């Protein structure tokens, strides 16, 4: 459905009022393949060391939230035992806000990163890479042993576009793209409107039960923060387009601002000092999904500092490309702990085998190509993160996961990665505060 966007505030508020009644089956499908220093922070005294103020050199104009580079080794096996990854990978990210006024009520938000796909910001520079492994005859041989071979073959016939996308995803190369670029305006206290390409609002949920952290949307979002009158700390609505999965570069998918297939109503609430909750109702293409999360401080039990439970329920059947899939649900339960410079978590997740439905592709769904965090994918699994802050600039990390329940079609039955993240913002601020 083509949607013109006149005055931003009017359009967003109008969509908020009529979205539920207007939402139908005429939404655009997901495109799997796209068509195409003023003030100083130091006071200098003769013969004395400069005194560093809390205010950074760029504080008036720039709020830089992320400036990192990561290097990692990734090793990952699929459900048939096929070795999908054994690669050296790198990821660079810069994100923040350019403030148009001193108070930051009006700003341009941005996020740029490496990576060639919606759900991959890491890029291979050592090893054969994902695409090369899919083109290996050993891959076809491994699929032939899968009990789901017939379903995958049928889906490829019904959905050649989806098959082409999944089979040609390129994880190599350090292309650097602007994934998010949007205008944020707070004309009155408690009301913020965003327009452009922005990240996915997850509330207290994570990429395990939502969508990959590297993902993006194009459209508009409104946030209302008035807990005194509305109970919730924040209520919001997103009207956007979810797609162009192979085109992270916003400047190459600008026409997505004229389309919509994604709508979301979300709420957040900090109940007390210990417990926070969030929830959403989401419409995406042919799916409708409820998501909820609760985070609780449990440091007295010693084993964990915080526990997070996130769940989702896909409440509708999906019919497309010869596929008829029933409603499903899933969850993740995670405990987090920090001891000095060492922090980590341990969790258990169950993500349904049809999570690939959100891509709008029956082939992606049948072949186990989901769009939640690629470290997790689908299935009943355990997982654990560990990280150690070597210096303020360098952090070592590791991650392991394994499916422990029924073996299903998955690109990540067992996965391991480990590496280093360099906080370049901390490095820049080691002598004086720049950002």
Protein backbone atom coordinates (compact mmCIF):
# COMPACT_ATOMS: atom_id res chain seq x y z
CA UNK A 1 0.00 0.00 0.00
CA UNK A 2 1.53 3.31 -1.04
CA UNK A 3 1.20 5.91 1.71
CA UNK A 4 1.87 9.60 1.28
CA UNK A 5 3.32 11.36 4.30
CA UNK A 6 2.30 15.03 4.62
CA UNK A 7 2.72 16.94 7.88
CA UNK A 8 4.57 14.52 10.12
CA UNK A 9 2.87 15.11 13.45
CA UNK A 10 -0.62 15.07 11.95
CA UNK A 11 0.04 11.90 10.00
CA UNK A 12 1.49 10.00 12.94
CA UNK A 13 -1.28 10.99 15.34
CA UNK A 14 -3.92 10.17 12.78
CA UNK A 15 -2.37 6.73 12.16
CA UNK A 16 -2.31 6.12 15.91
CA UNK A 17 -6.05 6.70 16.16
CA UNK A 18 -7.15 4.65 13.15
CA UNK A 19 -4.47 1.95 12.87
CA UNK A 20 -6.33 -0.96 14.39
CA UNK A 21 -9.53 -0.52 12.45
CA UNK A 22 -7.72 0.25 9.19
CA UNK A 23 -5.25 -2.60 9.30
CA UNK A 24 -6.14 -5.33 6.81
CA UNK A 25 -4.67 -7.69 4.28
CA UNK A 26 -3.77 -4.98 1.77
CA UNK A 27 -0.39 -4.33 3.36
CA UNK A 28 2.68 -4.41 1.15
CA UNK A 29 4.62 -7.68 1.31
CA UNK A 30 8.20 -7.69 2.54
CA UNK A 31 10.77 -7.05 -0.18
CA UNK A 32 13.35 -9.79 0.29
CA UNK A 33 15.43 -8.37 -2.54
CA UNK A 34 15.48 -4.63 -3.15
CA UNK A 35 15.07 -2.91 -6.52
CA UNK A 36 17.65 -1.39 -6.72
CA UNK A 37 35.76 23.05 18.74
CA UNK A 38 33.59 25.88 19.76
CA UNK A 39 33.75 25.54 23.58
CA UNK A 40 36.64 24.09 25.56
CA UNK A 41 36.31 21.55 28.35
CA UNK A 42 39.57 22.53 29.99
CA UNK A 43 40.67 25.54 32.01
CA UNK A 44 44.37 26.25 31.57
CA UNK A 45 46.29 27.68 34.52
CA UNK A 46 49.91 28.67 34.19
CA UNK A 47 52.15 25.88 35.42
CA UNK A 48 49.23 23.60 36.30
CA UNK A 49 47.66 20.51 34.76
CA UNK A 50 44.49 21.34 32.78
CA UNK A 51 41.30 20.78 34.73
CA UNK A 52 38.82 18.61 32.84
CA UNK A 53 35.16 19.59 33.12
CA UNK A 54 32.34 17.02 32.87
CA UNK A 55 31.05 18.75 29.75
CA UNK A 56 32.61 17.24 26.61
CA UNK A 57 33.99 19.23 23.70
CA UNK A 58 31.14 18.17 21.43
CA UNK A 59 28.35 18.22 24.02
CA UNK A 60 26.40 21.04 22.38
CA UNK A 61 26.06 19.29 19.03
CA UNK A 62 26.79 15.59 19.37
CA UNK A 63 25.55 12.86 21.68
CA UNK A 64 27.64 9.89 20.58
CA UNK A 65 26.35 6.71 22.21
CA UNK A 66 28.41 4.06 20.41
CA UNK A 67 31.79 4.03 18.68
CA UNK A 68 33.16 0.48 18.67
CA UNK A 69 35.07 -2.04 16.60
CA UNK A 70 34.91 -5.79 17.30
CA UNK A 71 36.91 -8.79 16.09
CA UNK A 72 35.65 -12.31 16.64
CA UNK A 73 36.05 -15.97 15.70
CA UNK A 74 32.77 -17.71 14.87
CA UNK A 75 32.19 -21.47 14.72
CA UNK A 76 28.68 -22.73 14.01
CA UNK A 77 26.99 -26.01 12.99
CA UNK A 78 23.47 -26.60 11.65
CA UNK A 79 20.91 -29.31 12.33
CA UNK A 80 22.41 -31.77 9.82
CA UNK A 81 25.90 -31.30 11.26
CA UNK A 82 26.90 -29.03 8.40
CA UNK A 83 29.63 -26.50 9.27
CA UNK A 84 28.09 -23.13 8.36
CA UNK A 85 30.72 -20.89 9.94
CA UNK A 86 34.38 -21.16 10.82
CA UNK A 87 35.43 -17.60 10.16
CA UNK A 88 37.18 -14.52 11.40
CA UNK A 89 34.72 -11.62 11.46
CA UNK A 90 34.73 -7.91 12.22
CA UNK A 91 32.09 -5.31 13.06
CA UNK A 92 32.24 -1.52 13.32
CA UNK A 93 29.44 0.62 14.76
CA UNK A 94 28.91 4.34 15.23
CA UNK A 95 25.60 5.62 16.64
CA UNK A 96 24.25 8.72 18.31
CA UNK A 97 22.33 11.98 17.84
CA UNK A 98 23.18 15.32 16.24
CA UNK A 99 21.39 17.93 18.38
CA UNK A 100 19.68 20.73 16.52
CA UNK A 101 19.06 22.74 19.70
CA UNK A 102 20.97 23.02 22.95
CA UNK A 103 18.42 21.00 24.93
CA UNK A 104 18.34 18.16 22.39
CA UNK A 105 14.59 18.38 21.88
CA UNK A 106 15.20 18.28 18.15
CA UNK A 107 17.87 15.94 16.83
CA UNK A 108 18.94 13.73 13.95
CA UNK A 109 19.52 10.17 15.09
CA UNK A 110 21.91 7.89 13.24
CA UNK A 111 23.44 4.44 13.32
CA UNK A 112 26.00 3.18 10.82
CA UNK A 113 27.69 -0.19 10.77
CA UNK A 114 29.42 -2.80 8.71
CA UNK A 115 27.52 -5.81 7.36
CA UNK A 116 25.49 -6.53 4.23
CA UNK A 117 22.17 -7.78 5.60
CA UNK A 118 19.32 -6.86 7.95
CA UNK A 119 20.46 -9.36 10.57
CA UNK A 120 24.24 -9.34 10.04
CA UNK A 121 26.59 -6.50 10.94
CA UNK A 122 29.58 -8.79 11.36
CA UNK A 123 31.50 -9.35 8.12
CA UNK A 124 33.86 -12.21 7.24
CA UNK A 125 37.49 -11.46 6.46
CA UNK A 126 39.00 -14.91 7.15
CA UNK A 127 37.51 -18.25 6.21
CA UNK A 128 35.21 -19.35 3.41
CA UNK A 129 32.10 -17.41 4.39
CA UNK A 130 28.43 -18.32 4.52
CA UNK A 131 27.68 -18.06 0.78
CA UNK A 132 30.69 -20.16 -0.23
CA UNK A 133 29.63 -22.88 2.18
CA UNK A 134 26.09 -22.90 0.78
CA UNK A 135 27.55 -23.44 -2.71
CA UNK A 136 29.62 -26.41 -1.54
CA UNK A 137 28.31 -29.79 -2.79
CA UNK A 138 28.66 -31.02 0.78
CA UNK A 139 25.84 -28.63 1.73
CA UNK A 140 23.42 -30.25 -0.75
CA UNK A 141 24.48 -33.66 0.51
CA UNK A 142 23.75 -32.66 4.10
CA UNK A 143 20.31 -31.26 3.21
CA UNK A 144 19.48 -34.52 1.41
CA UNK A 145 19.73 -36.31 4.77
CA UNK A 146 17.26 -33.96 6.42
CA UNK A 147 13.72 -35.28 7.07
CA UNK A 148 12.45 -31.85 6.04
CA UNK A 149 14.05 -32.08 2.58
CA UNK A 150 10.70 -32.37 0.77
CA UNK A 151 9.23 -29.35 2.59
CA UNK A 152 12.31 -27.26 1.76
CA UNK A 153 12.17 -28.33 -1.90
CA UNK A 154 8.47 -27.48 -2.13
CA UNK A 155 9.07 -24.09 -0.50
CA UNK A 156 11.82 -23.32 -3.01
CA UNK A 157 9.36 -23.91 -5.85
CA UNK A 158 6.65 -21.79 -4.23
CA UNK A 159 9.04 -19.02 -3.15
CA UNK A 160 11.97 -18.69 -5.59
CA UNK A 161 12.61 -15.09 -4.51
CA UNK A 162 13.03 -16.11 -0.88
CA UNK A 163 15.24 -19.03 -1.87
CA UNK A 164 17.42 -16.72 -3.96
CA UNK A 165 17.78 -14.31 -1.05
CA UNK A 166 18.66 -16.92 1.60
CA UNK A 167 21.07 -18.77 -0.69
CA UNK A 168 22.93 -15.64 -1.75
CA UNK A 169 23.32 -13.76 1.53
CA UNK A 170 26.88 -12.48 1.48
CA UNK A 171 28.59 -12.26 4.86
CA UNK A 172 31.99 -11.18 3.49
CA UNK A 173 33.46 -7.70 3.03
CA UNK A 174 33.61 -4.61 5.23
CA UNK A 175 31.03 -2.40 3.50
CA UNK A 176 29.97 0.36 5.91
CA UNK A 177 26.37 1.61 5.66
CA UNK A 178 24.06 4.10 7.34
CA UNK A 179 21.33 1.77 8.62
CA UNK A 180 19.42 4.39 10.59
CA UNK A 181 18.87 8.08 9.91
CA UNK A 182 15.85 9.82 11.41
CA UNK A 183 14.52 13.09 12.77
CA UNK A 184 13.48 13.12 16.43
CA UNK A 185 11.31 16.01 17.66
CA UNK A 186 9.92 16.73 21.12
CA UNK A 187 7.73 19.82 20.53
CA UNK A 188 6.10 19.56 23.96
CA UNK A 189 7.17 17.82 27.13
CA UNK A 190 6.26 14.14 27.07
CA UNK A 191 5.66 13.83 23.32
CA UNK A 192 8.39 12.66 20.93
CA UNK A 193 7.93 11.99 17.22
CA UNK A 194 10.48 10.15 15.06
CA UNK A 195 10.55 9.98 11.27
CA UNK A 196 12.98 8.19 8.95
CA UNK A 197 14.84 4.91 9.33
CA UNK A 198 15.25 3.84 12.96
CA UNK A 199 15.84 0.78 15.09
CA UNK A 200 13.25 -1.68 16.35
CA UNK A 201 11.53 -0.84 19.64
CA UNK A 202 11.88 -3.93 21.87
CA UNK A 203 10.91 -2.63 25.30
CA UNK A 204 12.61 -4.90 27.85
CA UNK A 205 12.71 -7.81 25.42
CA UNK A 206 15.87 -8.58 23.44
CA UNK A 207 16.80 -9.81 19.99
CA UNK A 208 16.18 -13.39 21.18
CA UNK A 209 12.38 -13.07 20.96
CA UNK A 210 12.11 -10.02 18.69
CA UNK A 211 14.41 -9.14 15.76
CA UNK A 212 18.14 -8.89 15.33
CA UNK A 213 19.80 -5.86 16.95
CA UNK A 214 21.21 -4.90 13.55
CA UNK A 215 17.72 -4.66 12.04
CA UNK A 216 15.95 -1.50 10.90
CA UNK A 217 12.56 0.00 10.03
CA UNK A 218 11.50 2.93 7.83
CA UNK A 219 8.56 5.10 8.82
CA UNK A 220 7.36 7.04 11.84
CA UNK A 221 7.05 6.50 15.57
CA UNK A 222 5.42 8.49 18.35
CA UNK A 223 6.25 8.18 22.07
CA UNK A 224 4.14 9.62 24.89
CA UNK A 225 5.68 9.82 28.37
CA UNK A 226 3.09 10.86 30.98
CA UNK A 227 2.95 8.29 33.81
CA UNK A 228 0.97 10.68 35.99
CA UNK A 229 -2.07 10.41 33.74
CA UNK A 230 -1.47 7.24 31.68
CA UNK A 231 0.00 4.89 34.35
CA UNK A 232 2.69 3.62 31.98
CA UNK A 233 6.03 5.41 31.86
CA UNK A 234 5.83 5.37 28.07
CA UNK A 235 3.21 4.52 25.47
CA UNK A 236 4.16 4.42 21.81
CA UNK A 237 3.12 3.57 18.31
CA UNK A 238 5.20 2.63 15.25
CA UNK A 239 3.95 2.73 11.66
CA UNK A 240 6.72 1.58 9.33
CA UNK A 241 8.05 -0.68 6.63
CA UNK A 242 9.94 -3.87 7.53
CA UNK A 243 11.90 -5.12 4.54
CA UNK A 244 14.70 -4.58 2.02
CA UNK A 245 16.51 -7.24 4.01
CA UNK A 246 19.52 -7.27 1.69
CA UNK A 247 19.87 -3.46 1.64
CA UNK A 248 21.05 -2.03 4.98
CA UNK A 249 22.06 1.23 3.26
CA UNK A 250 19.23 3.67 3.97
CA UNK A 251 20.14 5.81 0.97
CA UNK A 252 19.46 2.82 -1.31
CA UNK A 253 16.04 2.05 0.20
CA UNK A 254 14.58 5.51 0.69
CA UNK A 255 11.41 4.52 -1.17
CA UNK A 256 10.54 2.31 1.82
CA UNK A 257 9.29 5.50 3.49
CA UNK A 258 6.32 5.39 1.12
CA UNK A 259 5.24 1.88 2.20
CA UNK A 260 4.00 0.19 5.34
CA UNK A 261 3.61 -3.40 6.50
CA UNK A 262 4.59 -3.05 10.17
CA UNK A 263 2.54 -1.58 13.00
CA UNK A 264 3.25 -1.73 16.69
CA UNK A 265 1.68 -0.46 19.91
CA UNK A 266 4.02 -0.67 22.91
CA UNK A 267 4.10 0.23 26.62
CA UNK A 268 6.79 0.35 29.32
CA UNK A 269 6.51 0.61 33.10
CA UNK A 270 8.98 0.58 35.99
CA UNK A 271 6.71 -0.85 38.69
CA UNK A 272 9.17 -0.19 41.52
CA UNK A 273 12.92 -0.09 42.14
CA UNK A 274 13.17 -3.81 41.45
CA UNK A 275 10.73 -4.68 38.69
CA UNK A 276 10.18 -3.31 35.19
CA UNK A 277 7.74 -4.57 32.56
CA UNK A 278 7.02 -3.93 28.90
CA UNK A 279 4.58 -5.18 26.28
CA UNK A 280 3.60 -4.74 22.66
CA UNK A 281 1.09 -5.79 20.02
CA UNK A 282 2.66 -6.08 16.61
CA UNK A 283 1.27 -6.45 13.09
CA UNK A 284 3.76 -7.56 10.42
CA UNK A 285 2.57 -8.65 6.97
CA UNK A 286 0.30 -11.67 7.66
CA UNK A 287 1.25 -12.07 11.35
CA UNK A 288 0.00 -10.58 14.60
CA UNK A 289 2.14 -11.03 17.71
CA UNK A 290 1.98 -10.19 21.41
CA UNK A 291 5.28 -9.70 23.26
CA UNK A 292 5.88 -9.15 26.97
CA UNK A 293 8.95 -8.90 29.20
CA UNK A 294 9.71 -8.47 32.88
CA UNK A 295 13.11 -7.69 34.45
CA UNK A 296 13.65 -8.09 38.20
CA UNK A 297 16.52 -7.27 40.56
CA UNK A 298 17.28 -10.46 42.52
CA UNK A 299 20.78 -9.73 43.81
CA UNK A 300 19.97 -11.17 47.26
CA UNK A 301 19.97 -14.73 45.88
CA UNK A 302 23.68 -14.26 45.01
CA UNK A 303 23.58 -16.50 41.92
CA UNK A 304 22.23 -13.67 39.74
CA UNK A 305 21.92 -9.91 39.96
CA UNK A 306 18.95 -9.70 37.56
CA UNK A 307 16.52 -12.11 35.95
CA UNK A 308 14.72 -11.38 32.68
CA UNK A 309 11.74 -13.27 31.29
CA UNK A 310 10.55 -12.43 27.78
CA UNK A 311 7.73 -14.20 25.96
CA UNK A 312 5.83 -13.88 22.69
CA UNK A 313 2.62 -15.29 21.24
CA UNK A 314 1.93 -15.25 17.51
CA UNK A 315 -1.84 -15.22 17.72
CA UNK A 316 -2.83 -15.74 14.07
CA UNK A 317 -2.40 -18.44 11.45
CA UNK A 318 -0.32 -17.49 8.43
CA UNK A 319 -1.21 -18.34 4.84
CA UNK A 320 1.19 -17.51 2.03
CA UNK A 321 3.20 -19.09 -0.78
CA UNK A 322 1.61 -22.49 -0.26
CA UNK A 323 2.37 -22.42 3.47
CA UNK A 324 -0.30 -22.69 6.17
CA UNK A 325 1.21 -22.32 9.64
CA UNK A 326 -0.60 -22.26 12.97
CA UNK A 327 -0.20 -19.78 15.80
CA UNK A 328 2.89 -20.42 17.95
CA UNK A 329 4.72 -18.99 20.97
CA UNK A 330 8.13 -18.87 22.61
CA UNK A 331 10.15 -17.44 25.48
CA UNK A 332 13.59 -16.76 26.92
CA UNK A 333 14.61 -16.86 30.60
CA UNK A 334 17.96 -15.27 31.45
CA UNK A 335 19.93 -14.69 34.63
CA UNK A 336 22.65 -11.98 34.68
CA UNK A 337 25.63 -11.63 37.01
CA UNK A 338 28.54 -9.18 37.42
CA UNK A 339 31.63 -9.77 39.56
CA UNK A 340 34.19 -7.02 39.29
CA UNK A 341 35.36 -6.76 35.68
CA UNK A 342 33.70 -10.05 34.76
CA UNK A 343 30.04 -10.17 33.74
CA UNK A 344 27.83 -12.65 31.97
CA UNK A 345 24.56 -14.47 31.78
CA UNK A 346 23.07 -17.92 31.40
CA UNK A 347 19.74 -18.54 29.70
CA UNK A 348 17.24 -20.96 28.27
CA UNK A 349 15.13 -20.14 25.23
CA UNK A 350 12.43 -21.74 23.12
CA UNK A 351 11.90 -20.07 19.73
CA UNK A 352 9.35 -21.75 17.47
CA UNK A 353 10.42 -23.46 14.26
CA UNK A 354 8.31 -21.07 12.15
CA UNK A 355 9.95 -17.83 13.33
CA UNK A 356 11.14 -17.30 9.77
CA UNK A 357 7.54 -16.39 8.88
CA UNK A 358 8.32 -12.79 9.82
CA UNK A 359 10.53 -12.55 6.74
CA UNK A 360 7.45 -13.06 4.56
CA UNK A 361 9.19 -16.03 2.93
CA UNK A 362 8.01 -19.65 3.12
CA UNK A 363 11.49 -20.79 2.07
CA UNK A 364 13.13 -18.85 4.91
CA UNK A 365 10.61 -20.34 7.30
CA UNK A 366 11.13 -23.94 6.11
CA UNK A 367 14.93 -23.68 5.95
CA UNK A 368 15.29 -22.22 9.45
CA UNK A 369 16.40 -18.73 8.39
CA UNK A 370 14.86 -16.58 11.13
CA UNK A 371 15.30 -12.85 11.70
CA UNK A 372 15.75 -12.83 15.46
CA UNK A 373 19.34 -12.61 16.74
CA UNK A 374 21.49 -14.82 14.51
CA UNK A 375 23.37 -16.09 17.58
CA UNK A 376 20.12 -17.71 18.73
CA UNK A 377 18.03 -18.68 15.71
CA UNK A 378 15.21 -21.14 16.49
CA UNK A 379 14.75 -24.18 18.73
CA UNK A 380 14.87 -25.08 22.43
CA UNK A 381 18.36 -24.14 23.55
CA UNK A 382 20.72 -23.09 26.32
CA UNK A 383 23.11 -20.17 25.90
CA UNK A 384 25.66 -18.16 27.85
CA UNK A 385 27.59 -14.90 27.40
CA UNK A 386 30.77 -13.91 29.21
CA UNK A 387 32.76 -10.69 29.00
CA UNK A 388 35.80 -9.37 30.81
CA UNK A 389 36.83 -5.71 30.77
CA UNK A 390 40.57 -5.89 30.23
CA UNK A 391 40.96 -2.11 30.12
CA UNK A 392 38.44 0.75 29.78
CA UNK A 393 38.97 0.42 26.02
CA UNK A 394 39.27 -3.36 25.46
CA UNK A 395 36.68 -6.00 26.43
CA UNK A 396 37.03 -9.73 25.78
CA UNK A 397 33.82 -11.67 25.14
CA UNK A 398 32.56 -15.16 24.46
CA UNK A 399 29.25 -16.81 23.63
CA UNK A 400 28.06 -20.42 23.42
CA UNK A 401 24.71 -21.96 22.53
CA UNK A 402 23.33 -25.41 21.80
CA UNK A 403 19.92 -26.83 20.96
CA UNK A 404 18.92 -29.23 23.75
CA UNK A 405 15.37 -30.11 22.67
CA UNK A 406 13.95 -31.58 19.49
CA UNK A 407 16.29 -31.21 16.51
CA UNK A 408 14.69 -28.86 14.00
CA UNK A 409 15.89 -27.19 10.82
CA UNK A 410 18.33 -24.55 12.06
CA UNK A 411 21.47 -22.77 10.91
CA UNK A 412 22.65 -22.72 14.54
CA UNK A 413 22.24 -26.02 16.33
CA UNK A 414 25.55 -25.36 18.07
CA UNK A 415 27.44 -22.07 18.01
CA UNK A 416 30.52 -20.58 19.59
CA UNK A 417 32.12 -17.18 19.15
CA UNK A 418 34.80 -15.26 21.01
CA UNK A 419 36.69 -12.04 20.43
CA UNK A 420 37.55 -8.50 21.47
CA UNK A 421 35.60 -5.24 21.38
CA UNK A 422 37.45 -1.94 21.25
CA UNK A 423 35.55 1.04 22.69
CA UNK A 424 36.92 3.84 20.53
CA UNK A 425 34.83 6.42 22.37
CA UNK A 426 36.57 5.50 25.63
CA UNK A 427 39.90 5.68 23.82
CA UNK A 428 39.13 9.16 22.52
CA UNK A 429 38.14 10.26 26.02
CA UNK A 430 41.20 8.78 27.77
CA UNK A 431 43.05 12.11 27.73
CA UNK A 432 40.12 14.53 27.79
CA UNK A 433 36.41 14.13 27.30
CA UNK A 434 35.63 14.62 23.62
CA UNK A 435 32.28 12.82 23.29
